[in-house]
Amino acid sequence: GGHLYGTLKFDLESPDPEAHILLEIDVQGMRKIRDTYYRVKTIFIQPPSFERLEERLRLRGGPGFR
């Protein structure tokens, strides 16, 4: 079977309003989080090249590379 990944809503809703939560997620996941939680800051880290990105996706069996 496939693997399911996600971030639990419970983990994002800290009772401490000053809490900082750091997530390492893809662009689609970031958009979902940003649409739900208005106080979000994002950082996009671009791969060094398209070829390196393709290599990383192939190595982990990413979409279209299985």
PDB file of N, CA and C in Angstrom:
ATOM      1  N   GLY A   1       0.798  -1.192   0.000  1.00  0.00           N
ATOM      2  CA  GLY A   1       0.000   0.000   0.000  1.00  0.00           C
ATOM      3  C   GLY A   1       0.840   1.255   0.000  1.00  0.00           C
ATOM      4  N   GLY A   2       0.179   2.339  -0.279  1.00  0.00           N
ATOM      5  CA  GLY A   2       0.850   3.629  -0.304  1.00  0.00           C
ATOM      6  C   GLY A   2       1.073   4.179   1.084  1.00  0.00           C
ATOM      7  N   HIS A   3       1.949   5.125   1.167  1.00  0.00           N
ATOM      8  CA  HIS A   3       2.227   5.783   2.437  1.00  0.00           C
ATOM      9  C   HIS A   3       1.420   7.073   2.506  1.00  0.00           C
ATOM     10  N   LEU A   4       0.864   7.333   3.669  1.00  0.00           N
ATOM     11  CA  LEU A   4       0.114   8.560   3.880  1.00  0.00           C
ATOM     12  C   LEU A   4       0.919   9.465   4.803  1.00  0.00           C
ATOM     13  N   TYR A   5       1.034  10.712   4.417  1.00  0.00           N
ATOM     14  CA  TYR A   5       1.776  11.683   5.212  1.00  0.00           C
ATOM     15  C   TYR A   5       0.859  12.859   5.507  1.00  0.00           C
ATOM     16  N   GLY A   6       1.079  13.490   6.630  1.00  0.00           N
ATOM     17  CA  GLY A   6       0.276  14.661   6.940  1.00  0.00           C
ATOM     18  C   GLY A   6       0.684  15.261   8.265  1.00  0.00           C
ATOM     19  N   THR A   7       0.122  16.408   8.543  1.00  0.00           N
ATOM     20  CA  THR A   7       0.338  17.106   9.794  1.00  0.00           C
ATOM     21  C   THR A   7      -0.991  17.151  10.514  1.00  0.00           C
ATOM     22  N   LEU A   8      -1.000  16.700  11.749  1.00  0.00           N
ATOM     23  CA  LEU A   8      -2.237  16.695  12.518  1.00  0.00           C
ATOM     24  C   LEU A   8      -2.626  18.118  12.911  1.00  0.00           C
ATOM     25  N   LYS A   9      -3.901  18.425  12.772  1.00  0.00           N
ATOM     26  CA  LYS A   9      -4.417  19.737  13.161  1.00  0.00           C
ATOM     27  C   LYS A   9      -4.098  20.004  14.636  1.00  0.00           C
ATOM     28  N   PHE A  10      -4.192  18.967  15.438  1.00  0.00           N
ATOM     29  CA  PHE A  10      -3.887  19.061  16.866  1.00  0.00           C
ATOM     30  C   PHE A  10      -2.480  19.625  17.097  1.00  0.00           C
ATOM     31  N   ASP A  11      -1.526  19.189  16.269  1.00  0.00           N
ATOM     32  CA  ASP A  11      -0.142  19.633  16.426  1.00  0.00           C
ATOM     33  C   ASP A  11       0.059  21.097  16.049  1.00  0.00           C
ATOM     34  N   LEU A  12      -0.846  21.648  15.263  1.00  0.00           N
ATOM     35  CA  LEU A  12      -0.729  23.036  14.819  1.00  0.00           C
ATOM     36  C   LEU A  12      -1.441  24.020  15.738  1.00  0.00           C
ATOM     37  N   GLU A  13      -2.288  23.534  16.582  1.00  0.00           N
ATOM     38  CA  GLU A  13      -3.106  24.412  17.430  1.00  0.00           C
ATOM     39  C   GLU A  13      -2.625  24.395  18.866  1.00  0.00           C
ATOM     40  N   SER A  14      -1.486  25.021  19.082  1.00  0.00           N
ATOM     41  CA  SER A  14      -0.901  25.096  20.409  1.00  0.00           C
ATOM     42  C   SER A  14      -1.709  26.055  21.278  1.00  0.00           C
ATOM     43  N   PRO A  15      -1.869  25.722  22.562  1.00  0.00           N
ATOM     44  CA  PRO A  15      -2.554  26.665  23.463  1.00  0.00           C
ATOM     45  C   PRO A  15      -1.730  27.930  23.713  1.00  0.00           C
ATOM     46  N   ASP A  16      -0.439  27.894  23.414  1.00  0.00           N
ATOM     47  CA  ASP A  16       0.438  29.039  23.607  1.00  0.00           C
ATOM     48  C   ASP A  16       0.419  29.918  22.360  1.00  0.00           C
ATOM     49  N   PRO A  17      -0.158  31.137  22.441  1.00  0.00           N
ATOM     50  CA  PRO A  17      -0.252  32.000  21.262  1.00  0.00           C
ATOM     51  C   PRO A  17       1.111  32.468  20.746  1.00  0.00           C
ATOM     52  N   GLU A  18       2.159  32.334  21.549  1.00  0.00           N
ATOM     53  CA  GLU A  18       3.509  32.741  21.135  1.00  0.00           C
ATOM     54  C   GLU A  18       4.320  31.566  20.591  1.00  0.00           C
ATOM     55  N   ALA A  19       3.727  30.398  20.498  1.00  0.00           N
ATOM     56  CA  ALA A  19       4.450  29.209  20.022  1.00  0.00           C
ATOM     57  C   ALA A  19       4.830  29.364  18.562  1.00  0.00           C
ATOM     58  N   HIS A  20       5.982  28.809  18.214  1.00  0.00           N
ATOM     59  CA  HIS A  20       6.447  28.780  16.830  1.00  0.00           C
ATOM     60  C   HIS A  20       6.518  27.319  16.393  1.00  0.00           C
ATOM     61  N   ILE A  21       5.944  27.022  15.265  1.00  0.00           N
ATOM     62  CA  ILE A  21       5.925  25.667  14.742  1.00  0.00           C
ATOM     63  C   ILE A  21       6.618  25.681  13.388  1.00  0.00           C
ATOM     64  N   LEU A  22       7.558  24.788  13.192  1.00  0.00           N
ATOM     65  CA  LEU A  22       8.312  24.708  11.952  1.00  0.00           C
ATOM     66  C   LEU A  22       7.932  23.416  11.233  1.00  0.00           C
ATOM     67  N   LEU A  23       7.510  23.534   9.980  1.00  0.00           N
ATOM     68  CA  LEU A  23       7.136  22.377   9.179  1.00  0.00           C
ATOM     69  C   LEU A  23       8.000  22.319   7.928  1.00  0.00           C
ATOM     70  N   GLU A  24       8.395  21.136   7.550  1.00  0.00           N
ATOM     71  CA  GLU A  24       9.079  20.917   6.272  1.00  0.00           C
ATOM     72  C   GLU A  24       8.068  20.196   5.383  1.00  0.00           C
ATOM     73  N   ILE A  25       7.421  20.954   4.497  1.00  0.00           N
ATOM     74  CA  ILE A  25       6.328  20.417   3.683  1.00  0.00           C
ATOM     75  C   ILE A  25       6.458  20.888   2.242  1.00  0.00           C
ATOM     76  N   ASP A  26       5.724  20.234   1.356  1.00  0.00           N
ATOM     77  CA  ASP A  26       5.764  20.630  -0.051  1.00  0.00           C
ATOM     78  C   ASP A  26       4.847  21.833  -0.287  1.00  0.00           C
ATOM     79  N   VAL A  27       4.878  22.345  -1.490  1.00  0.00           N
ATOM     80  CA  VAL A  27       4.128  23.561  -1.826  1.00  0.00           C
ATOM     81  C   VAL A  27       2.624  23.361  -1.625  1.00  0.00           C
ATOM     82  N   GLN A  28       2.101  22.193  -2.021  1.00  0.00           N
ATOM     83  CA  GLN A  28       0.661  21.951  -1.856  1.00  0.00           C
ATOM     84  C   GLN A  28       0.275  21.944  -0.377  1.00  0.00           C
ATOM     85  N   GLY A  29       1.098  21.312   0.455  1.00  0.00           N
ATOM     86  CA  GLY A  29       0.835  21.305   1.893  1.00  0.00           C
ATOM     87  C   GLY A  29       0.899  22.696   2.487  1.00  0.00           C
ATOM     88  N   MET A  30       1.868  23.488   2.028  1.00  0.00           N
ATOM     89  CA  MET A  30       1.999  24.862   2.516  1.00  0.00           C
ATOM     90  C   MET A  30       0.748  25.668   2.192  1.00  0.00           C
ATOM     91  N   ARG A  31       0.216  25.479   0.982  1.00  0.00           N
ATOM     92  CA  ARG A  31      -0.984  26.235   0.607  1.00  0.00           C
ATOM     93  C   ARG A  31      -2.160  25.890   1.501  1.00  0.00           C
ATOM     94  N   LYS A  32      -2.315  24.624   1.850  1.00  0.00           N
ATOM     95  CA  LYS A  32      -3.408  24.222   2.743  1.00  0.00           C
ATOM     96  C   LYS A  32      -3.246  24.847   4.125  1.00  0.00           C
ATOM     97  N   ILE A  33      -2.024  24.814   4.638  1.00  0.00           N
ATOM     98  CA  ILE A  33      -1.759  25.408   5.949  1.00  0.00           C
ATOM     99  C   ILE A  33      -2.004  26.912   5.898  1.00  0.00           C
ATOM    100  N   ARG A  34      -1.494  27.572   4.875  1.00  0.00           N
ATOM    101  CA  ARG A  34      -1.626  29.031   4.745  1.00  0.00           C
ATOM    102  C   ARG A  34      -3.089  29.441   4.627  1.00  0.00           C
ATOM    103  N   ASP A  35      -3.898  28.643   3.929  1.00  0.00           N
ATOM    104  CA  ASP A  35      -5.316  28.970   3.764  1.00  0.00           C
ATOM    105  C   ASP A  35      -6.097  28.823   5.066  1.00  0.00           C
ATOM    106  N   THR A  36      -5.591  28.000   5.974  1.00  0.00           N
ATOM    107  CA  THR A  36      -6.293  27.746   7.236  1.00  0.00           C
ATOM    108  C   THR A  36      -5.797  28.640   8.370  1.00  0.00           C
ATOM    109  N   TYR A  37      -4.504  28.874   8.413  1.00  0.00           N
ATOM    110  CA  TYR A  37      -3.893  29.630   9.509  1.00  0.00           C
ATOM    111  C   TYR A  37      -3.312  30.928   8.960  1.00  0.00           C
ATOM    112  N   TYR A  38      -3.879  32.043   9.359  1.00  0.00           N
ATOM    113  CA  TYR A  38      -3.534  33.330   8.757  1.00  0.00           C
ATOM    114  C   TYR A  38      -2.176  33.874   9.198  1.00  0.00           C
ATOM    115  N   ARG A  39      -1.637  33.424  10.295  1.00  0.00           N
ATOM    116  CA  ARG A  39      -0.357  33.953  10.783  1.00  0.00           C
ATOM    117  C   ARG A  39       0.795  33.035  10.379  1.00  0.00           C
ATOM    118  N   VAL A  40       0.920  32.792   9.105  1.00  0.00           N
ATOM    119  CA  VAL A  40       1.926  31.872   8.591  1.00  0.00           C
ATOM    120  C   VAL A  40       2.999  32.638   7.825  1.00  0.00           C
ATOM    121  N   LYS A  41       4.229  32.283   8.068  1.00  0.00           N
ATOM    122  CA  LYS A  41       5.340  32.806   7.276  1.00  0.00           C
ATOM    123  C   LYS A  41       5.927  31.612   6.534  1.00  0.00           C
ATOM    124  N   THR A  42       6.262  31.810   5.264  1.00  0.00           N
ATOM    125  CA  THR A  42       6.782  30.704   4.471  1.00  0.00           C
ATOM    126  C   THR A  42       8.168  31.029   3.920  1.00  0.00           C
ATOM    127  N   ILE A  43       8.939  29.979   3.751  1.00  0.00           N
ATOM    128  CA  ILE A  43      10.256  30.065   3.122  1.00  0.00           C
ATOM    129  C   ILE A  43      10.298  28.956   2.085  1.00  0.00           C
ATOM    130  N   PHE A  44      10.628  29.310   0.859  1.00  0.00           N
ATOM    131  CA  PHE A  44      10.745  28.320  -0.204  1.00  0.00           C
ATOM    132  C   PHE A  44      12.216  28.089  -0.491  1.00  0.00           C
ATOM    133  N   ILE A  45      12.645  26.843  -0.411  1.00  0.00           N
ATOM    134  CA  ILE A  45      14.031  26.503  -0.706  1.00  0.00           C
ATOM    135  C   ILE A  45      14.054  25.792  -2.047  1.00  0.00           C
ATOM    136  N   GLN A  46      14.666  26.440  -3.007  1.00  0.00           N
ATOM    137  CA  GLN A  46      14.710  25.931  -4.375  1.00  0.00           C
ATOM    138  C   GLN A  46      15.882  24.961  -4.529  1.00  0.00           C
ATOM    139  N   PRO A  47      15.673  23.847  -5.239  1.00  0.00           N
ATOM    140  CA  PRO A  47      16.794  22.936  -5.481  1.00  0.00           C
ATOM    141  C   PRO A  47      17.853  23.620  -6.353  1.00  0.00           C
ATOM    142  N   PRO A  48      19.084  23.134  -6.304  1.00  0.00           N
ATOM    143  CA  PRO A  48      20.154  23.775  -7.053  1.00  0.00           C
ATOM    144  C   PRO A  48      19.944  23.767  -8.567  1.00  0.00           C
ATOM    145  N   SER A  49      19.221  22.765  -9.075  1.00  0.00           N
ATOM    146  CA  SER A  49      18.959  22.698 -10.509  1.00  0.00           C
ATOM    147  C   SER A  49      17.780  21.761 -10.757  1.00  0.00           C
ATOM    148  N   PHE A  50      17.188  21.851 -11.951  1.00  0.00           N
ATOM    149  CA  PHE A  50      16.097  20.948 -12.312  1.00  0.00           C
ATOM    150  C   PHE A  50      16.601  19.500 -12.325  1.00  0.00           C
ATOM    151  N   GLU A  51      17.827  19.305 -12.798  1.00  0.00           N
ATOM    152  CA  GLU A  51      18.389  17.959 -12.863  1.00  0.00           C
ATOM    153  C   GLU A  51      18.533  17.348 -11.469  1.00  0.00           C
ATOM    154  N   ARG A  52      18.970  18.145 -10.511  1.00  0.00           N
ATOM    155  CA  ARG A  52      19.111  17.661  -9.121  1.00  0.00           C
ATOM    156  C   ARG A  52      17.741  17.361  -8.523  1.00  0.00           C
ATOM    157  N   LEU A  53      16.747  18.185  -8.809  1.00  0.00           N
ATOM    158  CA  LEU A  53      15.393  17.932  -8.336  1.00  0.00           C
ATOM    159  C   LEU A  53      14.876  16.614  -8.904  1.00  0.00           C
ATOM    160  N   GLU A  54      15.073  16.409 -10.195  1.00  0.00           N
ATOM    161  CA  GLU A  54      14.634  15.167 -10.830  1.00  0.00           C
ATOM    162  C   GLU A  54      15.319  13.959 -10.184  1.00  0.00           C
ATOM    163  N   GLU A  55      16.607  14.078  -9.916  1.00  0.00           N
ATOM    164  CA  GLU A  55      17.350  12.986  -9.274  1.00  0.00           C
ATOM    165  C   GLU A  55      16.773  12.674  -7.892  1.00  0.00           C
ATOM    166  N   ARG A  56      16.493  13.716  -7.117  1.00  0.00           N
ATOM    167  CA  ARG A  56      15.916  13.521  -5.774  1.00  0.00           C
ATOM    168  C   ARG A  56      14.558  12.838  -5.853  1.00  0.00           C
ATOM    169  N   LEU A  57      13.713  13.281  -6.801  1.00  0.00           N
ATOM    170  CA  LEU A  57      12.393  12.669  -6.950  1.00  0.00           C
ATOM    171  C   LEU A  57      12.499  11.211  -7.372  1.00  0.00           C
ATOM    172  N   ARG A  58      13.406  10.916  -8.281  1.00  0.00           N
ATOM    173  CA  ARG A  58      13.603   9.527  -8.709  1.00  0.00           C
ATOM    174  C   ARG A  58      14.053   8.658  -7.541  1.00  0.00           C
ATOM    175  N   LEU A  59      14.986   9.159  -6.742  1.00  0.00           N
ATOM    176  CA  LEU A  59      15.501   8.396  -5.620  1.00  0.00           C
ATOM    177  C   LEU A  59      14.432   8.097  -4.573  1.00  0.00           C
ATOM    178  N   ARG A  60      13.504   8.998  -4.381  1.00  0.00           N
ATOM    179  CA  ARG A  60      12.471   8.745  -3.368  1.00  0.00           C
ATOM    180  C   ARG A  60      11.183   8.215  -3.974  1.00  0.00           C
ATOM    181  N   GLY A  61      11.150   8.015  -5.305  1.00  0.00           N
ATOM    182  CA  GLY A  61       9.960   7.468  -5.938  1.00  0.00           C
ATOM    183  C   GLY A  61       8.828   8.476  -5.997  1.00  0.00           C
ATOM    184  N   GLY A  62       9.156   9.728  -6.280  1.00  0.00           N
ATOM    185  CA  GLY A  62       8.155  10.794  -6.327  1.00  0.00           C
ATOM    186  C   GLY A  62       7.148  10.609  -7.455  1.00  0.00           C
ATOM    187  N   PRO A  63       6.095  11.418  -7.468  1.00  0.00           N
ATOM    188  CA  PRO A  63       5.037  11.309  -8.471  1.00  0.00           C
ATOM    189  C   PRO A  63       5.599  11.319  -9.890  1.00  0.00           C
ATOM    190  N   GLY A  64       5.180  10.349 -10.694  1.00  0.00           N
ATOM    191  CA  GLY A  64       5.623  10.266 -12.067  1.00  0.00           C
ATOM    192  C   GLY A  64       6.975   9.601 -12.226  1.00  0.00           C
ATOM    193  N   PHE A  65       7.616   9.200 -11.116  1.00  0.00           N
ATOM    194  CA  PHE A  65       8.952   8.605 -11.197  1.00  0.00           C
ATOM    195  C   PHE A  65       8.995   7.208 -10.586  1.00  0.00           C
ATOM    196  N   ARG A  66       7.869   6.561 -10.423  1.00  0.00           N
ATOM    197  CA  ARG A  66       7.862   5.230  -9.790  1.00  0.00           C
ATOM    198  C   ARG A  66       8.212   4.152 -10.755  1.00  0.00           C
TER     199      ARG A  66
END
